[in-house]
Amino acid sequence: MQEKGYLESRQEPLPAGAIGLPRRLYRPTGLGLKVLDAWHAAERAFAAPPARPEEA
């Protein structure tokens, strides 16, 4: 997702005396937020009940 430009990441600094791998922190980009909004809009559109045809 980072390669596509949807989010940015950085490693959290490791505190003195800490062991193990540092955590990676992620943050969405503007493009990532737009894609997420579009995904939610599509989800709402497909989850809506189908329109009933008008009776003649």
N, C-alpha and C. Protein backbone atom coordinates (compact mmCIF):
# COMPACT_ATOMS: atom_id res chain seq x y z
N MET A 1 0.83 -1.19 0.00
CA MET A 1 0.00 0.00 0.00
C MET A 1 0.87 1.25 0.00
N GLN A 2 2.02 1.14 0.58
CA GLN A 2 2.92 2.28 0.59
C GLN A 2 3.44 2.55 -0.81
N GLU A 3 3.74 1.49 -1.56
CA GLU A 3 4.23 1.66 -2.93
C GLU A 3 3.18 2.31 -3.82
N LYS A 4 1.91 2.08 -3.54
CA LYS A 4 0.83 2.68 -4.32
C LYS A 4 0.54 4.11 -3.89
N GLY A 5 1.12 4.56 -2.78
CA GLY A 5 0.93 5.92 -2.31
C GLY A 5 -0.25 6.11 -1.39
N TYR A 6 -0.81 5.01 -0.87
CA TYR A 6 -1.96 5.10 0.02
C TYR A 6 -1.59 5.46 1.45
N LEU A 7 -0.36 5.13 1.85
CA LEU A 7 0.06 5.47 3.21
C LEU A 7 1.56 5.68 3.27
N GLU A 8 1.98 6.31 4.35
CA GLU A 8 3.40 6.56 4.63
C GLU A 8 3.74 5.82 5.92
N SER A 9 5.00 5.45 6.07
CA SER A 9 5.39 4.77 7.30
C SER A 9 6.75 5.28 7.76
N ARG A 10 6.98 5.07 9.04
CA ARG A 10 8.28 5.40 9.63
C ARG A 10 8.49 4.46 10.80
N GLN A 11 9.75 4.29 11.17
CA GLN A 11 10.05 3.46 12.34
C GLN A 11 10.09 4.33 13.57
N GLU A 12 9.48 3.83 14.63
CA GLU A 12 9.51 4.52 15.91
C GLU A 12 10.91 4.38 16.50
N PRO A 13 11.47 5.45 17.03
CA PRO A 13 12.80 5.33 17.65
C PRO A 13 12.76 4.33 18.81
N LEU A 14 13.76 3.51 18.89
CA LEU A 14 13.86 2.52 19.96
C LEU A 14 14.41 3.20 21.22
N PRO A 15 13.68 3.14 22.34
CA PRO A 15 14.18 3.76 23.58
C PRO A 15 15.49 3.11 24.04
N ALA A 16 16.28 3.86 24.75
CA ALA A 16 17.55 3.34 25.27
C ALA A 16 17.29 2.12 26.15
N GLY A 17 18.03 1.06 25.92
CA GLY A 17 17.91 -0.14 26.73
C GLY A 17 16.82 -1.09 26.26
N ALA A 18 16.06 -0.70 25.26
CA ALA A 18 14.98 -1.56 24.77
C ALA A 18 15.57 -2.66 23.89
N ILE A 19 14.87 -3.77 23.85
CA ILE A 19 15.32 -4.87 23.00
C ILE A 19 14.22 -5.15 21.98
N GLY A 20 14.58 -5.83 20.91
CA GLY A 20 13.59 -6.18 19.90
C GLY A 20 13.60 -5.18 18.76
N LEU A 21 12.67 -5.37 17.87
CA LEU A 21 12.55 -4.51 16.70
C LEU A 21 11.72 -3.27 17.01
N PRO A 22 12.07 -2.14 16.43
CA PRO A 22 11.24 -0.95 16.63
C PRO A 22 9.91 -1.10 15.89
N ARG A 23 8.88 -0.46 16.41
CA ARG A 23 7.57 -0.51 15.76
C ARG A 23 7.58 0.34 14.51
N ARG A 24 6.77 -0.06 13.54
CA ARG A 24 6.59 0.75 12.34
C ARG A 24 5.23 1.44 12.49
N LEU A 25 5.23 2.75 12.30
CA LEU A 25 4.00 3.55 12.43
C LEU A 25 3.53 3.95 11.03
N TYR A 26 2.23 3.83 10.80
CA TYR A 26 1.65 4.11 9.49
C TYR A 26 0.70 5.29 9.58
N ARG A 27 0.63 6.05 8.47
CA ARG A 27 -0.29 7.19 8.38
C ARG A 27 -0.84 7.25 6.96
N PRO A 28 -2.16 7.38 6.80
CA PRO A 28 -2.71 7.45 5.44
C PRO A 28 -2.33 8.77 4.76
N THR A 29 -2.17 8.71 3.46
CA THR A 29 -1.90 9.91 2.67
C THR A 29 -3.25 10.49 2.21
N GLY A 30 -3.21 11.63 1.58
CA GLY A 30 -4.43 12.21 1.02
C GLY A 30 -5.08 11.27 0.02
N LEU A 31 -4.26 10.67 -0.83
CA LEU A 31 -4.78 9.70 -1.81
C LEU A 31 -5.39 8.51 -1.10
N GLY A 32 -4.74 8.03 -0.06
CA GLY A 32 -5.27 6.89 0.69
C GLY A 32 -6.63 7.20 1.31
N LEU A 33 -6.81 8.41 1.81
CA LEU A 33 -8.10 8.79 2.39
C LEU A 33 -9.18 8.89 1.31
N LYS A 34 -8.82 9.37 0.12
CA LYS A 34 -9.79 9.43 -0.99
C LYS A 34 -10.20 8.03 -1.41
N VAL A 35 -9.25 7.12 -1.49
CA VAL A 35 -9.56 5.73 -1.85
C VAL A 35 -10.46 5.11 -0.80
N LEU A 36 -10.20 5.36 0.46
CA LEU A 36 -11.03 4.83 1.54
C LEU A 36 -12.45 5.38 1.45
N ASP A 37 -12.59 6.67 1.18
CA ASP A 37 -13.93 7.26 1.03
C ASP A 37 -14.68 6.62 -0.14
N ALA A 38 -13.98 6.40 -1.26
CA ALA A 38 -14.60 5.76 -2.42
C ALA A 38 -15.02 4.33 -2.09
N TRP A 39 -14.19 3.62 -1.34
CA TRP A 39 -14.51 2.26 -0.93
C TRP A 39 -15.78 2.24 -0.08
N HIS A 40 -15.87 3.16 0.87
CA HIS A 40 -17.06 3.22 1.72
C HIS A 40 -18.30 3.58 0.91
N ALA A 41 -18.17 4.48 -0.05
CA ALA A 41 -19.31 4.85 -0.90
C ALA A 41 -19.79 3.65 -1.70
N ALA A 42 -18.85 2.89 -2.26
CA ALA A 42 -19.22 1.69 -3.02
C ALA A 42 -19.88 0.66 -2.11
N GLU A 43 -19.36 0.52 -0.90
CA GLU A 43 -19.93 -0.43 0.05
C GLU A 43 -21.38 -0.06 0.38
N ARG A 44 -21.64 1.24 0.59
CA ARG A 44 -23.00 1.68 0.88
C ARG A 44 -23.92 1.45 -0.32
N ALA A 45 -23.40 1.70 -1.54
CA ALA A 45 -24.22 1.53 -2.74
C ALA A 45 -24.62 0.07 -2.94
N PHE A 46 -23.69 -0.84 -2.69
CA PHE A 46 -24.00 -2.25 -2.90
C PHE A 46 -24.79 -2.84 -1.74
N ALA A 47 -24.74 -2.22 -0.58
CA ALA A 47 -25.47 -2.74 0.58
C ALA A 47 -26.91 -2.24 0.60
N ALA A 48 -27.22 -1.22 -0.18
CA ALA A 48 -28.57 -0.67 -0.20
C ALA A 48 -29.53 -1.66 -0.85
N PRO A 49 -30.75 -1.74 -0.35
CA PRO A 49 -31.71 -2.64 -0.98
C PRO A 49 -32.02 -2.17 -2.41
N PRO A 50 -32.30 -3.10 -3.31
CA PRO A 50 -32.59 -2.69 -4.69
C PRO A 50 -33.88 -1.89 -4.75
N ALA A 51 -33.92 -0.97 -5.68
CA ALA A 51 -35.12 -0.13 -5.86
C ALA A 51 -36.25 -1.00 -6.40
N ARG A 52 -37.45 -0.77 -5.90
CA ARG A 52 -38.60 -1.54 -6.39
C ARG A 52 -39.16 -0.87 -7.63
N PRO A 53 -39.51 -1.64 -8.64
CA PRO A 53 -40.08 -1.04 -9.85
C PRO A 53 -41.45 -0.45 -9.56
N GLU A 54 -41.79 0.59 -10.26
CA GLU A 54 -43.10 1.22 -10.11
C GLU A 54 -44.17 0.31 -10.66
N GLU A 55 -45.30 0.20 -9.98
CA GLU A 55 -46.40 -0.62 -10.46
C GLU A 55 -47.25 0.24 -11.38
N ALA A 56 -47.71 -0.35 -12.48
CA ALA A 56 -48.50 0.39 -13.49
C ALA A 56 -49.95 0.44 -13.15
